Amino acid sequence: MAADRALEVLATGPLTLVQDLGRVGFAAIGVGRSGAADREAFRLGARLLAQPYTAAALEVTFGGLSIRAHGDLQLALTGAPAPAAIDGRPMGYFGPFTLGNGQVLTLGAPEVGLRSYLSVRGGIAVPPILKSRATDTLSGLGPPPVQTGDMLPVGPPPAAFPNVDVAPAPAFSTDVLLLHALRGPRDDWLANMGALVSSLWTVSSHSDRVGIRLTGEPLQYHATRIDQELPSEGVVRGAIQVPSGGEPVVFLADHPVTGGYPVVAVLVDSDIDLAAQAVPGQQLRIVLNK
């Protein structure tokens, strides 16, 4: 029997995942945090629906999602603004709205940005694993990617009621993206740290939730480091790692917990969410904070 309150998945687009803010405190046993790639967009969706951040939502990469409501549901769309419609009627982002029983919500591809978030009042109530409902694409922990035909149960609504009609919309742009970082801990492995910040990098199509791969003029290791090996050490979200090929990788939500290539800088926390919305082909620069 179908759940009384549920989202029936009619189409998923390139990738739709269940996400919350991830698994906290398990890195020591090799389990990364994972969670929403754009954490602020996820949090905004929860606030719009007056529910805690523990309520899971859908992270939709490059649009294409289509869902049917089972029961009258209250939802909110945040993140990259994609064309949205209910039964063909256009509707907006950054405010709560009702999807009535049997109505269908569809999302097109966003013109700017990469990841949109669909929050539902009550949260996506799939079983948690290690205290989280987040899908970790690197380890395979959490619910599998959402598939056409899935019936996603919705939990009971919280006692508080939403009291915001619409929130200020964050700016999305196709201009060169500036990502601010702190240098180190292994910046001495580069022959010229200035090359990291002077280069105009392009987001590779091989980027994913693990990390953004950047293409451009390869960075060079310092002559004293060329024949050295760096023992694996812990890495964090936002770490900028430089493999031996010289093209940096910016780690995102599903990054490994350890890595064996030098981390030459780490993004400031607020800019990690910006990085998560970078589209393949978009250009960016790294700015080192003093």
C-alpha atoms as a PDB file:
ATOM      1  CA  MET A   1       0.000   0.000   0.000  1.00  0.00           C
ATOM      2  CA  ALA A   2       1.299   3.465  -0.851  1.00  0.00           C
ATOM      3  CA  ALA A   3       2.225   5.731   2.018  1.00  0.00           C
ATOM      4  CA  ASP A   4      -0.384   8.306   3.046  1.00  0.00           C
ATOM      5  CA  ARG A   5       2.187  11.067   2.543  1.00  0.00           C
ATOM      6  CA  ALA A   6       4.762  10.386  -0.132  1.00  0.00           C
ATOM      7  CA  LEU A   7       6.488  11.639  -3.268  1.00  0.00           C
ATOM      8  CA  GLU A   8       6.119   9.364  -6.280  1.00  0.00           C
ATOM      9  CA  VAL A   9       9.124   9.734  -8.582  1.00  0.00           C
ATOM     10  CA  LEU A  10       8.181  10.002 -12.260  1.00  0.00           C
ATOM     11  CA  ALA A  11      11.622  11.097 -13.551  1.00  0.00           C
ATOM     12  CA  THR A  12      14.961  11.829 -11.899  1.00  0.00           C
ATOM     13  CA  GLY A  13      17.101  13.788 -14.354  1.00  0.00           C
ATOM     14  CA  PRO A  14      20.880  13.115 -14.370  1.00  0.00           C
ATOM     15  CA  LEU A  15      21.121  12.522 -10.614  1.00  0.00           C
ATOM     16  CA  THR A  16      18.733  12.931  -7.692  1.00  0.00           C
ATOM     17  CA  LEU A  17      19.835  11.996  -4.172  1.00  0.00           C
ATOM     18  CA  VAL A  18      18.369  12.036  -0.684  1.00  0.00           C
ATOM     19  CA  GLN A  19      20.501  14.348   1.479  1.00  0.00           C
ATOM     20  CA  ASP A  20      20.642  15.888   4.922  1.00  0.00           C
ATOM     21  CA  LEU A  21      23.682  17.449   6.624  1.00  0.00           C
ATOM     22  CA  GLY A  22      25.529  14.146   6.774  1.00  0.00           C
ATOM     23  CA  ARG A  23      27.195  11.813   9.258  1.00  0.00           C
ATOM     24  CA  VAL A  24      29.089  13.522  12.046  1.00  0.00           C
ATOM     25  CA  GLY A  25      31.801  11.860  14.104  1.00  0.00           C
ATOM     26  CA  PHE A  26      32.634   8.749  12.060  1.00  0.00           C
ATOM     27  CA  ALA A  27      35.823   9.851  10.265  1.00  0.00           C
ATOM     28  CA  ALA A  28      37.943   7.812  12.702  1.00  0.00           C
ATOM     29  CA  ILE A  29      36.406   4.621  11.288  1.00  0.00           C
ATOM     30  CA  GLY A  30      36.801   5.796   7.682  1.00  0.00           C
ATOM     31  CA  VAL A  31      33.287   7.175   7.133  1.00  0.00           C
ATOM     32  CA  GLY A  32      33.096  10.668   5.665  1.00  0.00           C
ATOM     33  CA  ARG A  33      30.388  13.175   6.535  1.00  0.00           C
ATOM     34  CA  SER A  34      28.811  13.485   3.052  1.00  0.00           C
ATOM     35  CA  GLY A  35      25.471  15.385   3.133  1.00  0.00           C
ATOM     36  CA  ALA A  36      24.164  18.202   0.948  1.00  0.00           C
ATOM     37  CA  ALA A  37      26.788  19.614  -1.404  1.00  0.00           C
ATOM     38  CA  ASP A  38      25.350  23.140  -1.021  1.00  0.00           C
ATOM     39  CA  ARG A  39      24.665  23.195   2.710  1.00  0.00           C
ATOM     40  CA  GLU A  40      23.268  26.722   2.825  1.00  0.00           C
ATOM     41  CA  ALA A  41      20.678  25.930   0.134  1.00  0.00           C
ATOM     42  CA  PHE A  42      19.659  22.849   2.120  1.00  0.00           C
ATOM     43  CA  ARG A  43      19.394  24.836   5.365  1.00  0.00           C
ATOM     44  CA  LEU A  44      17.310  27.540   3.688  1.00  0.00           C
ATOM     45  CA  GLY A  45      14.810  24.914   2.506  1.00  0.00           C
ATOM     46  CA  ALA A  46      14.436  23.618   6.062  1.00  0.00           C
ATOM     47  CA  ARG A  47      13.971  27.125   7.480  1.00  0.00           C
ATOM     48  CA  LEU A  48      11.323  27.986   4.892  1.00  0.00           C
ATOM     49  CA  LEU A  49       9.310  24.970   6.073  1.00  0.00           C
ATOM     50  CA  ALA A  50       9.940  25.623   9.798  1.00  0.00           C
ATOM     51  CA  GLN A  51      11.586  22.269  10.346  1.00  0.00           C
ATOM     52  CA  PRO A  52      14.930  21.104  11.745  1.00  0.00           C
ATOM     53  CA  TYR A  53      17.993  20.504   9.589  1.00  0.00           C
ATOM     54  CA  THR A  54      17.664  16.785  10.316  1.00  0.00           C
ATOM     55  CA  ALA A  55      14.754  16.581   7.833  1.00  0.00           C
ATOM     56  CA  ALA A  56      16.109  15.055   4.624  1.00  0.00           C
ATOM     57  CA  ALA A  57      15.530  16.682   1.224  1.00  0.00           C
ATOM     58  CA  LEU A  58      16.210  15.875  -2.425  1.00  0.00           C
ATOM     59  CA  GLU A  59      19.367  17.164  -4.103  1.00  0.00           C
ATOM     60  CA  VAL A  60      18.697  17.462  -7.849  1.00  0.00           C
ATOM     61  CA  THR A  61      21.696  17.786 -10.160  1.00  0.00           C
ATOM     62  CA  PHE A  62      20.948  19.712 -13.362  1.00  0.00           C
ATOM     63  CA  GLY A  63      17.185  19.409 -13.155  1.00  0.00           C
ATOM     64  CA  GLY A  64      14.955  16.800 -14.775  1.00  0.00           C
ATOM     65  CA  LEU A  65      13.045  15.766 -11.637  1.00  0.00           C
ATOM     66  CA  SER A  66       9.322  15.008 -11.868  1.00  0.00           C
ATOM     67  CA  ILE A  67       7.297  13.964  -8.818  1.00  0.00           C
ATOM     68  CA  ARG A  68       3.642  13.351  -7.946  1.00  0.00           C
ATOM     69  CA  ALA A  69       2.254  14.142  -4.497  1.00  0.00           C
ATOM     70  CA  HIS A  70       0.458  11.508  -2.469  1.00  0.00           C
ATOM     71  CA  GLY A  71      -1.394  13.590   0.081  1.00  0.00           C
ATOM     72  CA  ASP A  72      -1.325  17.375   0.317  1.00  0.00           C
ATOM     73  CA  LEU A  73       2.301  18.345   0.869  1.00  0.00           C
ATOM     74  CA  GLN A  74       4.127  21.592   1.545  1.00  0.00           C
ATOM     75  CA  LEU A  75       7.449  21.999  -0.237  1.00  0.00           C
ATOM     76  CA  ALA A  76      10.189  24.539  -0.946  1.00  0.00           C
ATOM     77  CA  LEU A  77      12.738  24.862  -3.755  1.00  0.00           C
ATOM     78  CA  THR A  78      16.179  26.333  -3.143  1.00  0.00           C
ATOM     79  CA  GLY A  79      19.643  26.208  -4.688  1.00  0.00           C
ATOM     80  CA  ALA A  80      20.172  26.596  -8.427  1.00  0.00           C
ATOM     81  CA  PRO A  81      16.931  28.071  -9.832  1.00  0.00           C
ATOM     82  CA  ALA A  82      15.578  25.681 -12.463  1.00  0.00           C
ATOM     83  CA  PRO A  83      12.330  26.261 -14.386  1.00  0.00           C
ATOM     84  CA  ALA A  84       9.614  24.715 -12.203  1.00  0.00           C
ATOM     85  CA  ALA A  85       5.962  23.973 -12.860  1.00  0.00           C
ATOM     86  CA  ILE A  86       3.009  22.343 -11.099  1.00  0.00           C
ATOM     87  CA  ASP A  87       0.759  20.580 -13.610  1.00  0.00           C
ATOM     88  CA  GLY A  88       2.291  22.850 -16.249  1.00  0.00           C
ATOM     89  CA  ARG A  89       1.767  26.064 -14.281  1.00  0.00           C
ATOM     90  CA  PRO A  90       5.068  27.926 -13.671  1.00  0.00           C
ATOM     91  CA  MET A  91       6.015  28.598 -10.067  1.00  0.00           C
ATOM     92  CA  GLY A  92       8.926  30.164  -8.225  1.00  0.00           C
ATOM     93  CA  TYR A  93      11.736  29.399  -5.807  1.00  0.00           C
ATOM     94  CA  PHE A  94      12.707  30.403  -2.259  1.00  0.00           C
ATOM     95  CA  GLY A  95       9.260  30.232  -0.668  1.00  0.00           C
ATOM     96  CA  PRO A  96       6.965  27.471   0.649  1.00  0.00           C
ATOM     97  CA  PHE A  97       4.215  26.164  -1.641  1.00  0.00           C
ATOM     98  CA  THR A  98       1.614  23.399  -1.621  1.00  0.00           C
ATOM     99  CA  LEU A  99       1.680  20.401  -3.923  1.00  0.00           C
ATOM    100  CA  GLY A 100      -1.812  18.972  -3.705  1.00  0.00           C
ATOM    101  CA  ASN A 101      -2.671  15.294  -3.768  1.00  0.00           C
ATOM    102  CA  GLY A 102      -2.117  13.995  -7.304  1.00  0.00           C
ATOM    103  CA  GLN A 103      -0.411  17.146  -8.575  1.00  0.00           C
ATOM    104  CA  VAL A 104       2.887  16.834 -10.456  1.00  0.00           C
ATOM    105  CA  LEU A 105       5.931  19.055  -9.963  1.00  0.00           C
ATOM    106  CA  THR A 106       8.541  19.155 -12.735  1.00  0.00           C
ATOM    107  CA  LEU A 107      11.969  20.802 -12.824  1.00  0.00           C
ATOM    108  CA  GLY A 108      13.872  21.809 -15.949  1.00  0.00           C
ATOM    109  CA  ALA A 109      17.624  22.381 -16.160  1.00  0.00           C
ATOM    110  CA  PRO A 110      18.910  25.493 -14.338  1.00  0.00           C
ATOM    111  CA  GLU A 111      20.356  28.252 -16.499  1.00  0.00           C
ATOM    112  CA  VAL A 112      22.975  29.004 -13.830  1.00  0.00           C
ATOM    113  CA  GLY A 113      24.184  26.807 -11.002  1.00  0.00           C
ATOM    114  CA  LEU A 114      24.159  23.032 -10.819  1.00  0.00           C
ATOM    115  CA  ARG A 115      22.267  21.682  -7.815  1.00  0.00           C
ATOM    116  CA  SER A 116      18.682  22.415  -6.748  1.00  0.00           C
ATOM    117  CA  TYR A 117      17.083  21.297  -3.481  1.00  0.00           C
ATOM    118  CA  LEU A 118      13.514  20.147  -2.985  1.00  0.00           C
ATOM    119  CA  SER A 119      12.542  20.191   0.690  1.00  0.00           C
ATOM    120  CA  VAL A 120       9.265  18.731   1.914  1.00  0.00           C
ATOM    121  CA  ARG A 121       7.610  19.507   5.234  1.00  0.00           C
ATOM    122  CA  GLY A 122       8.196  16.394   7.339  1.00  0.00           C
ATOM    123  CA  GLY A 123      11.311  15.361   5.450  1.00  0.00           C
ATOM    124  CA  ILE A 124      12.054  12.360   3.237  1.00  0.00           C
ATOM    125  CA  ALA A 125      11.567   9.548   5.769  1.00  0.00           C
ATOM    126  CA  VAL A 126      13.815   6.809   4.372  1.00  0.00           C
ATOM    127  CA  PRO A 127      15.637   4.714   7.019  1.00  0.00           C
ATOM    128  CA  PRO A 128      18.761   6.422   8.424  1.00  0.00           C
ATOM    129  CA  ILE A 129      22.182   4.768   8.310  1.00  0.00           C
ATOM    130  CA  LEU A 130      24.699   5.861  10.956  1.00  0.00           C
ATOM    131  CA  LYS A 131      22.282   8.564  12.112  1.00  0.00           C
ATOM    132  CA  SER A 132      21.905  10.137   8.658  1.00  0.00           C
ATOM    133  CA  ARG A 133      19.796   9.751   5.534  1.00  0.00           C
ATOM    134  CA  ALA A 134      22.510  11.212   3.294  1.00  0.00           C
ATOM    135  CA  THR A 135      23.628   9.356   0.170  1.00  0.00           C
ATOM    136  CA  ASP A 136      27.434   9.106   0.030  1.00  0.00           C
ATOM    137  CA  THR A 137      28.356   8.440  -3.598  1.00  0.00           C
ATOM    138  CA  LEU A 138      31.971   7.539  -2.746  1.00  0.00           C
ATOM    139  CA  SER A 139      31.360   4.925  -0.034  1.00  0.00           C
ATOM    140  CA  GLY A 140      27.893   3.802  -1.126  1.00  0.00           C
ATOM    141  CA  LEU A 141      26.441   4.477   2.332  1.00  0.00           C
ATOM    142  CA  GLY A 142      22.898   5.754   2.642  1.00  0.00           C
ATOM    143  CA  PRO A 143      19.902   5.301   0.378  1.00  0.00           C
ATOM    144  CA  PRO A 144      20.626   4.510  -3.280  1.00  0.00           C
ATOM    145  CA  PRO A 145      20.199   7.256  -5.888  1.00  0.00           C
ATOM    146  CA  VAL A 146      16.534   8.042  -6.467  1.00  0.00           C
ATOM    147  CA  GLN A 147      15.024   6.028  -9.329  1.00  0.00           C
ATOM    148  CA  THR A 148      11.928   6.424 -11.468  1.00  0.00           C
ATOM    149  CA  GLY A 149       9.073   4.608  -9.768  1.00  0.00           C
ATOM    150  CA  ASP A 150      10.341   5.149  -6.225  1.00  0.00           C
ATOM    151  CA  MET A 151       7.768   6.052  -3.601  1.00  0.00           C
ATOM    152  CA  LEU A 152       9.559   8.279  -1.098  1.00  0.00           C
ATOM    153  CA  PRO A 153       7.762   8.394   2.265  1.00  0.00           C
ATOM    154  CA  VAL A 154       7.292  11.802   3.904  1.00  0.00           C
ATOM    155  CA  GLY A 155       7.487  12.105   7.673  1.00  0.00           C
ATOM    156  CA  PRO A 156       4.972  13.828   9.946  1.00  0.00           C
ATOM    157  CA  PRO A 157       5.063  17.646   9.793  1.00  0.00           C
ATOM    158  CA  PRO A 158       6.605  19.518  12.722  1.00  0.00           C
ATOM    159  CA  ALA A 159       4.438  21.436  15.183  1.00  0.00           C
ATOM    160  CA  ALA A 160       5.752  24.851  14.097  1.00  0.00           C
ATOM    161  CA  PHE A 161       4.230  26.514  11.036  1.00  0.00           C
ATOM    162  CA  PRO A 162       6.134  28.309   8.270  1.00  0.00           C
ATOM    163  CA  ASN A 163       5.960  32.087   8.600  1.00  0.00           C
ATOM    164  CA  VAL A 164       8.052  33.258   5.610  1.00  0.00           C
ATOM    165  CA  ASP A 165       6.432  33.872   2.223  1.00  0.00           C
ATOM    166  CA  VAL A 166       9.671  34.222   0.263  1.00  0.00           C
ATOM    167  CA  ALA A 167      13.370  34.485   1.150  1.00  0.00           C
ATOM    168  CA  PRO A 168      15.978  36.686  -0.544  1.00  0.00           C
ATOM    169  CA  ALA A 169      17.406  34.746  -3.458  1.00  0.00           C
ATOM    170  CA  PRO A 170      21.172  34.133  -3.479  1.00  0.00           C
ATOM    171  CA  ALA A 171      22.924  35.380  -6.602  1.00  0.00           C
ATOM    172  CA  PHE A 172      23.992  32.838  -9.218  1.00  0.00           C
ATOM    173  CA  SER A 173      26.267  33.875 -12.063  1.00  0.00           C
ATOM    174  CA  THR A 174      28.128  32.444 -15.043  1.00  0.00           C
ATOM    175  CA  ASP A 175      30.966  34.924 -14.467  1.00  0.00           C
ATOM    176  CA  VAL A 176      34.393  33.827 -13.268  1.00  0.00           C
ATOM    177  CA  LEU A 177      33.895  32.324  -9.812  1.00  0.00           C
ATOM    178  CA  LEU A 178      36.191  33.552  -7.036  1.00  0.00           C
ATOM    179  CA  LEU A 179      36.908  30.983  -4.330  1.00  0.00           C
ATOM    180  CA  HIS A 180      38.763  32.164  -1.237  1.00  0.00           C
ATOM    181  CA  ALA A 181      41.190  29.819   0.492  1.00  0.00           C
ATOM    182  CA  LEU A 182      43.754  29.563   3.265  1.00  0.00           C
ATOM    183  CA  ARG A 183      47.191  28.292   2.235  1.00  0.00           C
ATOM    184  CA  GLY A 184      48.676  25.078   3.533  1.00  0.00           C
ATOM    185  CA  PRO A 185      49.264  22.668   5.068  1.00  0.00           C
ATOM    186  CA  ARG A 186      51.421  21.329   2.188  1.00  0.00           C
ATOM    187  CA  ASP A 187      51.949  24.498   0.142  1.00  0.00           C
ATOM    188  CA  ASP A 188      55.715  23.917   0.317  1.00  0.00           C
ATOM    189  CA  TRP A 189      55.265  21.052  -2.135  1.00  0.00           C
ATOM    190  CA  LEU A 190      54.635  23.508  -4.987  1.00  0.00           C
ATOM    191  CA  ALA A 191      57.487  25.114  -6.901  1.00  0.00           C
ATOM    192  CA  ASN A 192      55.412  28.311  -7.176  1.00  0.00           C
ATOM    193  CA  MET A 193      52.379  28.755  -4.944  1.00  0.00           C
ATOM    194  CA  GLY A 194      51.581  31.919  -6.893  1.00  0.00           C
ATOM    195  CA  ALA A 195      50.737  29.820  -9.948  1.00  0.00           C
ATOM    196  CA  LEU A 196      47.687  28.460  -8.116  1.00  0.00           C
ATOM    197  CA  VAL A 197      46.206  31.937  -7.714  1.00  0.00           C
ATOM    198  CA  SER A 198      47.393  33.493 -10.984  1.00  0.00           C
ATOM    199  CA  SER A 199      45.883  30.750 -13.139  1.00  0.00           C
ATOM    200  CA  LEU A 200      42.405  30.853 -14.620  1.00  0.00           C
ATOM    201  CA  TRP A 201      40.994  27.376 -14.009  1.00  0.00           C
ATOM    202  CA  THR A 202      38.124  25.623 -15.796  1.00  0.00           C
ATOM    203  CA  VAL A 203      35.745  23.187 -14.084  1.00  0.00           C
ATOM    204  CA  SER A 204      36.116  19.777 -15.726  1.00  0.00           C
ATOM    205  CA  SER A 205      33.165  17.689 -16.894  1.00  0.00           C
ATOM    206  CA  HIS A 206      34.651  14.884 -14.774  1.00  0.00           C
ATOM    207  CA  SER A 207      33.713  16.725 -11.573  1.00  0.00           C
ATOM    208  CA  ASP A 208      31.204  15.201  -9.158  1.00  0.00           C
ATOM    209  CA  ARG A 209      30.212  15.233  -5.477  1.00  0.00           C
ATOM    210  CA  VAL A 210      33.639  13.895  -4.524  1.00  0.00           C
ATOM    211  CA  GLY A 211      35.386  16.926  -5.937  1.00  0.00           C
ATOM    212  CA  ILE A 212      35.778  19.539  -8.653  1.00  0.00           C
ATOM    213  CA  ARG A 213      38.557  18.701 -11.079  1.00  0.00           C
ATOM    214  CA  LEU A 214      40.195  21.806 -12.504  1.00  0.00           C
ATOM    215  CA  THR A 215      41.856  22.036 -15.899  1.00  0.00           C
ATOM    216  CA  GLY A 216      44.507  24.564 -16.828  1.00  0.00           C
ATOM    217  CA  GLU A 217      48.285  24.982 -16.838  1.00  0.00           C
ATOM    218  CA  PRO A 218      49.542  22.150 -14.588  1.00  0.00           C
ATOM    219  CA  LEU A 219      51.206  23.144 -11.335  1.00  0.00           C
ATOM    220  CA  GLN A 220      54.735  21.924 -10.703  1.00  0.00           C
ATOM    221  CA  TYR A 221      56.088  20.262  -7.573  1.00  0.00           C
ATOM    222  CA  HIS A 222      59.148  21.822  -5.946  1.00  0.00           C
ATOM    223  CA  ALA A 223      62.381  20.202  -7.134  1.00  0.00           C
ATOM    224  CA  THR A 224      63.063  18.851  -3.639  1.00  0.00           C
ATOM    225  CA  ARG A 225      59.685  17.061  -3.580  1.00  0.00           C
ATOM    226  CA  ILE A 226      59.617  15.382  -6.987  1.00  0.00           C
ATOM    227  CA  ASP A 227      60.956  12.025  -5.777  1.00  0.00           C
ATOM    228  CA  GLN A 228      59.227  12.134  -2.401  1.00  0.00           C
ATOM    229  CA  GLU A 229      56.074  10.337  -1.354  1.00  0.00           C
ATOM    230  CA  LEU A 230      53.606  11.914   1.050  1.00  0.00           C
ATOM    231  CA  PRO A 231      52.057   9.458   3.525  1.00  0.00           C
ATOM    232  CA  SER A 232      48.263   9.440   3.468  1.00  0.00           C
ATOM    233  CA  GLU A 233      46.796  11.995   5.848  1.00  0.00           C
ATOM    234  CA  GLY A 234      43.369  13.316   6.724  1.00  0.00           C
ATOM    235  CA  VAL A 235      41.593  15.641   4.294  1.00  0.00           C
ATOM    236  CA  VAL A 236      38.558  17.873   4.737  1.00  0.00           C
ATOM    237  CA  ARG A 237      35.776  19.317   2.622  1.00  0.00           C
ATOM    238  CA  GLY A 238      37.183  22.259   0.670  1.00  0.00           C
ATOM    239  CA  ALA A 239      40.742  20.893   0.553  1.00  0.00           C
ATOM    240  CA  ILE A 240      42.618  21.753  -2.668  1.00  0.00           C
ATOM    241  CA  GLN A 241      44.744  18.749  -3.505  1.00  0.00           C
ATOM    242  CA  VAL A 242      47.357  18.702  -6.271  1.00  0.00           C
ATOM    243  CA  PRO A 243      47.969  15.241  -7.789  1.00  0.00           C
ATOM    244  CA  SER A 244      51.196  14.457  -9.603  1.00  0.00           C
ATOM    245  CA  GLY A 245      49.642  15.577 -12.909  1.00  0.00           C
ATOM    246  CA  GLY A 246      49.490  19.132 -11.563  1.00  0.00           C
ATOM    247  CA  GLU A 247      45.777  19.905 -12.076  1.00  0.00           C
ATOM    248  CA  PRO A 248      44.075  20.650  -8.722  1.00  0.00           C
ATOM    249  CA  VAL A 249      41.062  18.905  -7.241  1.00  0.00           C
ATOM    250  CA  VAL A 250      38.746  20.769  -4.844  1.00  0.00           C
ATOM    251  CA  PHE A 251      37.144  18.256  -2.486  1.00  0.00           C
ATOM    252  CA  LEU A 252      33.370  18.469  -1.940  1.00  0.00           C
ATOM    253  CA  ALA A 253      30.825  16.617   0.217  1.00  0.00           C
ATOM    254  CA  ASP A 254      31.776  13.011  -0.638  1.00  0.00           C
ATOM    255  CA  HIS A 255      35.548  13.453  -0.384  1.00  0.00           C
ATOM    256  CA  PRO A 256      37.696  10.584   0.953  1.00  0.00           C
ATOM    257  CA  VAL A 257      38.726  10.843   4.590  1.00  0.00           C
ATOM    258  CA  THR A 258      42.430  10.493   3.714  1.00  0.00           C
ATOM    259  CA  GLY A 259      44.586  11.363   0.724  1.00  0.00           C
ATOM    260  CA  GLY A 260      48.156  10.837  -0.407  1.00  0.00           C
ATOM    261  CA  TYR A 261      48.671  13.943  -2.543  1.00  0.00           C
ATOM    262  CA  PRO A 262      49.615  17.332  -1.062  1.00  0.00           C
ATOM    263  CA  VAL A 263      46.809  19.642   0.061  1.00  0.00           C
ATOM    264  CA  VAL A 264      48.192  23.083  -0.759  1.00  0.00           C
ATOM    265  CA  ALA A 265      45.202  25.159   0.387  1.00  0.00           C
ATOM    266  CA  VAL A 266      41.703  24.813   1.879  1.00  0.00           C
ATOM    267  CA  LEU A 267      38.641  26.834   0.864  1.00  0.00           C
ATOM    268  CA  VAL A 268      37.068  29.029   3.508  1.00  0.00           C
ATOM    269  CA  ASP A 269      33.898  27.326   4.695  1.00  0.00           C
ATOM    270  CA  SER A 270      31.438  29.804   3.159  1.00  0.00           C
ATOM    271  CA  ASP A 271      32.910  29.344  -0.322  1.00  0.00           C
ATOM    272  CA  ILE A 272      32.590  25.556  -0.331  1.00  0.00           C
ATOM    273  CA  ASP A 273      28.857  25.923  -1.071  1.00  0.00           C
ATOM    274  CA  LEU A 274      29.704  28.246  -3.982  1.00  0.00           C
ATOM    275  CA  ALA A 275      32.093  25.640  -5.334  1.00  0.00           C
ATOM    276  CA  ALA A 276      29.356  22.998  -5.146  1.00  0.00           C
ATOM    277  CA  GLN A 277      27.289  25.032  -7.634  1.00  0.00           C
ATOM    278  CA  ALA A 278      30.107  25.381 -10.198  1.00  0.00           C
ATOM    279  CA  VAL A 279      29.033  24.061 -13.600  1.00  0.00           C
ATOM    280  CA  PRO A 280      31.392  22.122 -15.909  1.00  0.00           C
ATOM    281  CA  GLY A 281      33.012  24.615 -18.257  1.00  0.00           C
ATOM    282  CA  GLN A 282      32.746  27.482 -15.770  1.00  0.00           C
ATOM    283  CA  GLN A 283      35.967  29.358 -15.022  1.00  0.00           C
ATOM    284  CA  LEU A 284      37.235  30.150 -11.543  1.00  0.00           C
ATOM    285  CA  ARG A 285      40.131  31.666  -9.661  1.00  0.00           C
ATOM    286  CA  ILE A 286      41.569  30.791  -6.282  1.00  0.00           C
ATOM    287  CA  VAL A 287      42.120  33.767  -3.964  1.00  0.00           C
ATOM    288  CA  LEU A 288      44.405  33.227  -0.966  1.00  0.00           C
ATOM    289  CA  ASN A 289      43.312  35.007   2.211  1.00  0.00           C
ATOM    290  CA  LYS A 290      46.100  36.627   4.220  1.00  0.00           C
END
